């Protein structure tokens, strides 16, 4: 498509080669992003999958909050379900991903891809031509960010949703 953004894949770094090898071997790769000194959001951590859409025709997944090992374990469990044929759909509670609590999924608005999914854009060679679903964690009481009583610090789990979706969840 004329004018569509294309990443440069002529020179591959070791990380690029590892990402491609992981997708080839396992069907997906894991990317974890943590803040660096001076970042405007020093508390924001996230991880995401790359390759799930290409391998299983299911949206890739993104998760905010937990440290790297926990994020990898949670996303691995979700990918296991996808690889086994289960679609992880928005609007449902999933009990088999986390040990003690359920979780839910929301569709990510492509306007957020550039800020949070750069390596996935590189892999898919497009700025937004692949779907992503956000795994949303409840607080310890089981409340989600759109529910009254939600107890996780504001901003620790941003919702990468469209304005229309934000409105249906009750955000202004």
Foldseek 3Di string as FASTA:
>chain_A
DPPFFFDDPPDADPVRVVQVVCCVVPQKDKDKDADDPPDPCNLKIKMWIARLCVRQVAATEMEIDDPDVVRVQLSVQVSVCSVVPDHQDAPDWACRRDPPATKGKDKADLVCCVVPPVVNCNVVRGSRPGTYIYIFDFPPVHHGPLDPPGDDPPPRTDGRHDPVVCVVSPHD
